[in-house]
Amino acid sequence: MDKGKDVRVTVILECTSCVRNGVNRNRVNRGINRYITQKNRHTTPKRLELRKFCPYCYKHTIHGEITK
């Protein structure tokens, strides 16, 4: 099967609060939390957003899909 035609694709989810606050720029020892998951391209054509726990914000926040 052609690689571009797979139904399930791997996506990276990144904490939107950390990106908005610029956590990576302000402190060297902190980073941006990311999760790796899969989604079905046919049933979810839009960008995926899930509520996940961010250890840097220390609360549940919205994690949005980013490009690789």
PDB file of N, CA and C in Angstrom:
ATOM      1  N   MET A   1       0.839  -1.169   0.000  1.00  0.00           N
ATOM      2  CA  MET A   1       0.000   0.000   0.000  1.00  0.00           C
ATOM      3  C   MET A   1       0.889   1.239   0.000  1.00  0.00           C
ATOM      4  N   ASP A   2       0.467   2.255  -0.713  1.00  0.00           N
ATOM      5  CA  ASP A   2       1.212   3.499  -0.790  1.00  0.00           C
ATOM      6  C   ASP A   2       1.219   4.196   0.561  1.00  0.00           C
ATOM      7  N   LYS A   3       2.358   4.759   0.955  1.00  0.00           N
ATOM      8  CA  LYS A   3       2.490   5.357   2.279  1.00  0.00           C
ATOM      9  C   LYS A   3       1.567   6.570   2.463  1.00  0.00           C
ATOM     10  N   GLY A   4       1.297   7.324   1.421  1.00  0.00           N
ATOM     11  CA  GLY A   4       0.457   8.502   1.518  1.00  0.00           C
ATOM     12  C   GLY A   4      -1.028   8.185   1.607  1.00  0.00           C
ATOM     13  N   LYS A   5      -1.425   6.943   1.388  1.00  0.00           N
ATOM     14  CA  LYS A   5      -2.832   6.578   1.378  1.00  0.00           C
ATOM     15  C   LYS A   5      -3.267   5.818   2.619  1.00  0.00           C
ATOM     16  N   ASP A   6      -2.418   5.750   3.650  1.00  0.00           N
ATOM     17  CA  ASP A   6      -2.796   5.047   4.875  1.00  0.00           C
ATOM     18  C   ASP A   6      -3.964   5.748   5.546  1.00  0.00           C
ATOM     19  N   VAL A   7      -4.858   4.970   6.120  1.00  0.00           N
ATOM     20  CA  VAL A   7      -6.008   5.536   6.794  1.00  0.00           C
ATOM     21  C   VAL A   7      -5.602   6.078   8.160  1.00  0.00           C
ATOM     22  N   ARG A   8      -4.790   5.320   8.904  1.00  0.00           N
ATOM     23  CA  ARG A   8      -4.350   5.768  10.229  1.00  0.00           C
ATOM     24  C   ARG A   8      -3.015   6.497  10.088  1.00  0.00           C
ATOM     25  N   VAL A   9      -2.949   7.687  10.655  1.00  0.00           N
ATOM     26  CA  VAL A   9      -1.720   8.474  10.598  1.00  0.00           C
ATOM     27  C   VAL A   9      -1.284   8.830  12.017  1.00  0.00           C
ATOM     28  N   THR A  10       0.023   8.956  12.220  1.00  0.00           N
ATOM     29  CA  THR A  10       0.576   9.337  13.505  1.00  0.00           C
ATOM     30  C   THR A  10       0.583  10.860  13.599  1.00  0.00           C
ATOM     31  N   VAL A  11       0.085  11.394  14.723  1.00  0.00           N
ATOM     32  CA  VAL A  11       0.047  12.834  14.934  1.00  0.00           C
ATOM     33  C   VAL A  11       0.719  13.176  16.265  1.00  0.00           C
ATOM     34  N   ILE A  12       1.210  14.402  16.375  1.00  0.00           N
ATOM     35  CA  ILE A  12       1.838  14.891  17.593  1.00  0.00           C
ATOM     36  C   ILE A  12       0.923  15.951  18.188  1.00  0.00           C
ATOM     37  N   LEU A  13       0.604  15.787  19.483  1.00  0.00           N
ATOM     38  CA  LEU A  13      -0.224  16.753  20.194  1.00  0.00           C
ATOM     39  C   LEU A  13       0.665  17.574  21.117  1.00  0.00           C
ATOM     40  N   GLU A  14       0.517  18.901  21.064  1.00  0.00           N
ATOM     41  CA  GLU A  14       1.353  19.797  21.852  1.00  0.00           C
ATOM     42  C   GLU A  14       0.477  20.675  22.739  1.00  0.00           C
ATOM     43  N   CYS A  15       0.936  20.921  23.955  1.00  0.00           N
ATOM     44  CA  CYS A  15       0.188  21.734  24.908  1.00  0.00           C
ATOM     45  C   CYS A  15       0.057  23.160  24.388  1.00  0.00           C
ATOM     46  N   THR A  16      -1.185  23.660  24.281  1.00  0.00           N
ATOM     47  CA  THR A  16      -1.405  25.006  23.760  1.00  0.00           C
ATOM     48  C   THR A  16      -1.091  26.068  24.805  1.00  0.00           C
ATOM     49  N   SER A  17      -1.218  25.747  26.083  1.00  0.00           N
ATOM     50  CA  SER A  17      -0.910  26.724  27.129  1.00  0.00           C
ATOM     51  C   SER A  17       0.588  27.001  27.200  1.00  0.00           C
ATOM     52  N   CYS A  18       1.405  25.983  27.083  1.00  0.00           N
ATOM     53  CA  CYS A  18       2.855  26.161  27.126  1.00  0.00           C
ATOM     54  C   CYS A  18       3.338  26.978  25.928  1.00  0.00           C
ATOM     55  N   VAL A  19       2.764  26.732  24.769  1.00  0.00           N
ATOM     56  CA  VAL A  19       3.159  27.458  23.566  1.00  0.00           C
ATOM     57  C   VAL A  19       2.764  28.921  23.700  1.00  0.00           C
ATOM     58  N   ARG A  20       1.569  29.178  24.217  1.00  0.00           N
ATOM     59  CA  ARG A  20       1.070  30.535  24.361  1.00  0.00           C
ATOM     60  C   ARG A  20       1.894  31.324  25.374  1.00  0.00           C
ATOM     61  N   ASN A  21       2.275  30.679  26.474  1.00  0.00           N
ATOM     62  CA  ASN A  21       3.021  31.356  27.522  1.00  0.00           C
ATOM     63  C   ASN A  21       4.511  31.443  27.239  1.00  0.00           C
ATOM     64  N   GLY A  22       4.998  30.720  26.233  1.00  0.00           N
ATOM     65  CA  GLY A  22       6.417  30.759  25.905  1.00  0.00           C
ATOM     66  C   GLY A  22       7.286  30.117  26.957  1.00  0.00           C
ATOM     67  N   VAL A  23       6.869  28.968  27.490  1.00  0.00           N
ATOM     68  CA  VAL A  23       7.600  28.290  28.558  1.00  0.00           C
ATOM     69  C   VAL A  23       8.998  27.906  28.092  1.00  0.00           C
ATOM     70  N   ASN A  24       9.128  27.487  26.846  1.00  0.00           N
ATOM     71  CA  ASN A  24      10.415  27.025  26.342  1.00  0.00           C
ATOM     72  C   ASN A  24      11.430  28.166  26.255  1.00  0.00           C
ATOM     73  N   ARG A  25      10.982  29.386  25.997  1.00  0.00           N
ATOM     74  CA  ARG A  25      11.903  30.504  25.855  1.00  0.00           C
ATOM     75  C   ARG A  25      12.336  31.075  27.207  1.00  0.00           C
ATOM     76  N   ASN A  26      11.434  31.092  28.183  1.00  0.00           N
ATOM     77  CA  ASN A  26      11.723  31.756  29.448  1.00  0.00           C
ATOM     78  C   ASN A  26      12.628  30.946  30.365  1.00  0.00           C
ATOM     79  N   ARG A  27      12.443  29.656  30.427  1.00  0.00           N
ATOM     80  CA  ARG A  27      13.226  28.823  31.347  1.00  0.00           C
ATOM     81  C   ARG A  27      13.922  27.712  30.585  1.00  0.00           C
ATOM     82  N   VAL A  28      15.165  27.487  30.940  1.00  0.00           N
ATOM     83  CA  VAL A  28      15.953  26.473  30.251  1.00  0.00           C
ATOM     84  C   VAL A  28      15.551  25.076  30.694  1.00  0.00           C
ATOM     85  N   ASN A  29      15.218  24.881  31.978  1.00  0.00           N
ATOM     86  CA  ASN A  29      14.954  23.544  32.493  1.00  0.00           C
ATOM     87  C   ASN A  29      13.543  23.055  32.179  1.00  0.00           C
ATOM     88  N   ARG A  30      12.670  23.900  31.630  1.00  0.00           N
ATOM     89  CA  ARG A  30      11.309  23.475  31.297  1.00  0.00           C
ATOM     90  C   ARG A  30      11.162  23.336  29.787  1.00  0.00           C
ATOM     91  N   GLY A  31      10.192  22.551  29.379  1.00  0.00           N
ATOM     92  CA  GLY A  31       9.958  22.337  27.963  1.00  0.00           C
ATOM     93  C   GLY A  31       8.493  22.429  27.638  1.00  0.00           C
ATOM     94  N   ILE A  32       8.136  21.961  26.476  1.00  0.00           N
ATOM     95  CA  ILE A  32       6.749  21.916  26.035  1.00  0.00           C
ATOM     96  C   ILE A  32       6.329  20.458  26.010  1.00  0.00           C
ATOM     97  N   ASN A  33       5.190  20.168  26.610  1.00  0.00           N
ATOM     98  CA  ASN A  33       4.726  18.794  26.699  1.00  0.00           C
ATOM     99  C   ASN A  33       4.121  18.358  25.375  1.00  0.00           C
ATOM    100  N   ARG A  34       4.460  17.152  24.931  1.00  0.00           N
ATOM    101  CA  ARG A  34       3.929  16.602  23.684  1.00  0.00           C
ATOM    102  C   ARG A  34       3.515  15.159  23.882  1.00  0.00           C
ATOM    103  N   TYR A  35       2.436  14.788  23.210  1.00  0.00           N
ATOM    104  CA  TYR A  35       1.958  13.408  23.177  1.00  0.00           C
ATOM    105  C   TYR A  35       1.971  12.939  21.730  1.00  0.00           C
ATOM    106  N   ILE A  36       2.198  11.644  21.529  1.00  0.00           N
ATOM    107  CA  ILE A  36       2.138  11.041  20.202  1.00  0.00           C
ATOM    108  C   ILE A  36       0.974  10.064  20.197  1.00  0.00           C
ATOM    109  N   THR A  37       0.112  10.172  19.192  1.00  0.00           N
ATOM    110  CA  THR A  37      -1.054   9.310  19.079  1.00  0.00           C
ATOM    111  C   THR A  37      -1.370   9.087  17.605  1.00  0.00           C
ATOM    112  N   GLN A  38      -2.433   8.344  17.344  1.00  0.00           N
ATOM    113  CA  GLN A  38      -2.866   8.085  15.977  1.00  0.00           C
ATOM    114  C   GLN A  38      -4.298   8.550  15.795  1.00  0.00           C
ATOM    115  N   LYS A  39      -4.632   8.906  14.549  1.00  0.00           N
ATOM    116  CA  LYS A  39      -6.007   9.255  14.233  1.00  0.00           C
ATOM    117  C   LYS A  39      -6.373   8.662  12.886  1.00  0.00           C
ATOM    118  N   ASN A  40      -7.673   8.493  12.684  1.00  0.00           N
ATOM    119  CA  ASN A  40      -8.188   7.997  11.423  1.00  0.00           C
ATOM    120  C   ASN A  40      -8.405   9.196  10.508  1.00  0.00           C
ATOM    121  N   ARG A  41      -7.747   9.187   9.370  1.00  0.00           N
ATOM    122  CA  ARG A  41      -7.794  10.312   8.440  1.00  0.00           C
ATOM    123  C   ARG A  41      -9.189  10.526   7.859  1.00  0.00           C
ATOM    124  N   HIS A  42      -9.960   9.462   7.676  1.00  0.00           N
ATOM    125  CA  HIS A  42     -11.280   9.586   7.056  1.00  0.00           C
ATOM    126  C   HIS A  42     -12.329  10.104   8.029  1.00  0.00           C
ATOM    127  N   THR A  43     -12.301   9.652   9.277  1.00  0.00           N
ATOM    128  CA  THR A  43     -13.326  10.065  10.231  1.00  0.00           C
ATOM    129  C   THR A  43     -12.990  11.390  10.915  1.00  0.00           C
ATOM    130  N   THR A  44     -11.700  11.775  10.955  1.00  0.00           N
ATOM    131  CA  THR A  44     -11.280  13.021  11.590  1.00  0.00           C
ATOM    132  C   THR A  44     -10.392  13.806  10.629  1.00  0.00           C
ATOM    133  N   PRO A  45     -10.972  14.471   9.646  1.00  0.00           N
ATOM    134  CA  PRO A  45     -10.136  15.197   8.683  1.00  0.00           C
ATOM    135  C   PRO A  45      -9.563  16.493   9.241  1.00  0.00           C
ATOM    136  N   LYS A  46     -10.208  17.069  10.273  1.00  0.00           N
ATOM    137  CA  LYS A  46      -9.729  18.319  10.865  1.00  0.00           C
ATOM    138  C   LYS A  46      -8.616  18.020  11.864  1.00  0.00           C
ATOM    139  N   ARG A  47      -8.010  19.087  12.382  1.00  0.00           N
ATOM    140  CA  ARG A  47      -6.958  18.932  13.388  1.00  0.00           C
ATOM    141  C   ARG A  47      -7.549  18.396  14.686  1.00  0.00           C
ATOM    142  N   LEU A  48      -6.814  17.488  15.301  1.00  0.00           N
ATOM    143  CA  LEU A  48      -7.263  16.828  16.516  1.00  0.00           C
ATOM    144  C   LEU A  48      -6.913  17.685  17.735  1.00  0.00           C
ATOM    145  N   GLU A  49      -7.850  17.809  18.672  1.00  0.00           N
ATOM    146  CA  GLU A  49      -7.612  18.496  19.937  1.00  0.00           C
ATOM    147  C   GLU A  49      -8.153  17.638  21.065  1.00  0.00           C
ATOM    148  N   LEU A  50      -7.289  17.294  22.024  1.00  0.00           N
ATOM    149  CA  LEU A  50      -7.685  16.478  23.158  1.00  0.00           C
ATOM    150  C   LEU A  50      -7.277  17.169  24.452  1.00  0.00           C
ATOM    151  N   ARG A  51      -8.006  16.875  25.508  1.00  0.00           N
ATOM    152  CA  ARG A  51      -7.677  17.420  26.819  1.00  0.00           C
ATOM    153  C   ARG A  51      -6.783  16.409  27.529  1.00  0.00           C
ATOM    154  N   LYS A  52      -5.521  16.785  27.746  1.00  0.00           N
ATOM    155  CA  LYS A  52      -4.523  15.908  28.354  1.00  0.00           C
ATOM    156  C   LYS A  52      -3.854  16.625  29.517  1.00  0.00           C
ATOM    157  N   PHE A  53      -3.149  15.852  30.348  1.00  0.00           N
ATOM    158  CA  PHE A  53      -2.435  16.434  31.489  1.00  0.00           C
ATOM    159  C   PHE A  53      -1.069  16.931  31.044  1.00  0.00           C
ATOM    160  N   CYS A  54      -0.734  18.161  31.422  1.00  0.00           N
ATOM    161  CA  CYS A  54       0.577  18.737  31.134  1.00  0.00           C
ATOM    162  C   CYS A  54       1.353  18.857  32.449  1.00  0.00           C
ATOM    163  N   PRO A  55       2.478  18.160  32.595  1.00  0.00           N
ATOM    164  CA  PRO A  55       3.232  18.238  33.843  1.00  0.00           C
ATOM    165  C   PRO A  55       3.912  19.586  34.057  1.00  0.00           C
ATOM    166  N   TYR A  56       4.104  20.375  33.009  1.00  0.00           N
ATOM    167  CA  TYR A  56       4.728  21.685  33.149  1.00  0.00           C
ATOM    168  C   TYR A  56       3.725  22.723  33.637  1.00  0.00           C
ATOM    169  N   CYS A  57       2.484  22.650  33.151  1.00  0.00           N
ATOM    170  CA  CYS A  57       1.417  23.536  33.634  1.00  0.00           C
ATOM    171  C   CYS A  57       0.811  22.983  34.919  1.00  0.00           C
ATOM    172  N   TYR A  58       0.992  21.697  35.145  1.00  0.00           N
ATOM    173  CA  TYR A  58       0.464  20.945  36.283  1.00  0.00           C
ATOM    174  C   TYR A  58      -1.061  20.982  36.337  1.00  0.00           C
ATOM    175  N   LYS A  59      -1.688  20.837  35.162  1.00  0.00           N
ATOM    176  CA  LYS A  59      -3.144  20.761  35.071  1.00  0.00           C
ATOM    177  C   LYS A  59      -3.524  20.174  33.717  1.00  0.00           C
ATOM    178  N   HIS A  60      -4.795  19.858  33.547  1.00  0.00           N
ATOM    179  CA  HIS A  60      -5.306  19.364  32.277  1.00  0.00           C
ATOM    180  C   HIS A  60      -5.532  20.547  31.342  1.00  0.00           C
ATOM    181  N   THR A  61      -4.936  20.479  30.159  1.00  0.00           N
ATOM    182  CA  THR A  61      -5.063  21.545  29.179  1.00  0.00           C
ATOM    183  C   THR A  61      -5.385  20.960  27.814  1.00  0.00           C
ATOM    184  N   ILE A  62      -5.736  21.817  26.889  1.00  0.00           N
ATOM    185  CA  ILE A  62      -6.010  21.391  25.507  1.00  0.00           C
ATOM    186  C   ILE A  62      -4.681  21.166  24.796  1.00  0.00           C
ATOM    187  N   HIS A  63      -4.545  19.994  24.192  1.00  0.00           N
ATOM    188  CA  HIS A  63      -3.370  19.659  23.382  1.00  0.00           C
ATOM    189  C   HIS A  63      -3.828  19.589  21.929  1.00  0.00           C
ATOM    190  N   GLY A  64      -3.226  20.397  21.083  1.00  0.00           N
ATOM    191  CA  GLY A  64      -3.613  20.451  19.681  1.00  0.00           C
ATOM    192  C   GLY A  64      -2.598  19.771  18.790  1.00  0.00           C
ATOM    193  N   GLU A  65      -3.071  19.339  17.626  1.00  0.00           N
ATOM    194  CA  GLU A  65      -2.229  18.650  16.653  1.00  0.00           C
ATOM    195  C   GLU A  65      -1.289  19.640  15.994  1.00  0.00           C
ATOM    196  N   ILE A  66      -0.022  19.252  15.846  1.00  0.00           N
ATOM    197  CA  ILE A  66       0.968  20.090  15.156  1.00  0.00           C
ATOM    198  C   ILE A  66       1.525  19.303  13.974  1.00  0.00           C
ATOM    199  N   THR A  67       2.179  20.015  13.064  1.00  0.00           N
ATOM    200  CA  THR A  67       2.815  19.353  11.932  1.00  0.00           C
ATOM    201  C   THR A  67       4.204  18.907  12.335  1.00  0.00           C
ATOM    202  N   LYS A  68       4.706  17.891  11.657  1.00  0.00           N
ATOM    203  CA  LYS A  68       6.016  17.330  11.996  1.00  0.00           C
ATOM    204  C   LYS A  68       7.128  18.197  11.474  1.00  0.00           C
TER     205      LYS A  68
END
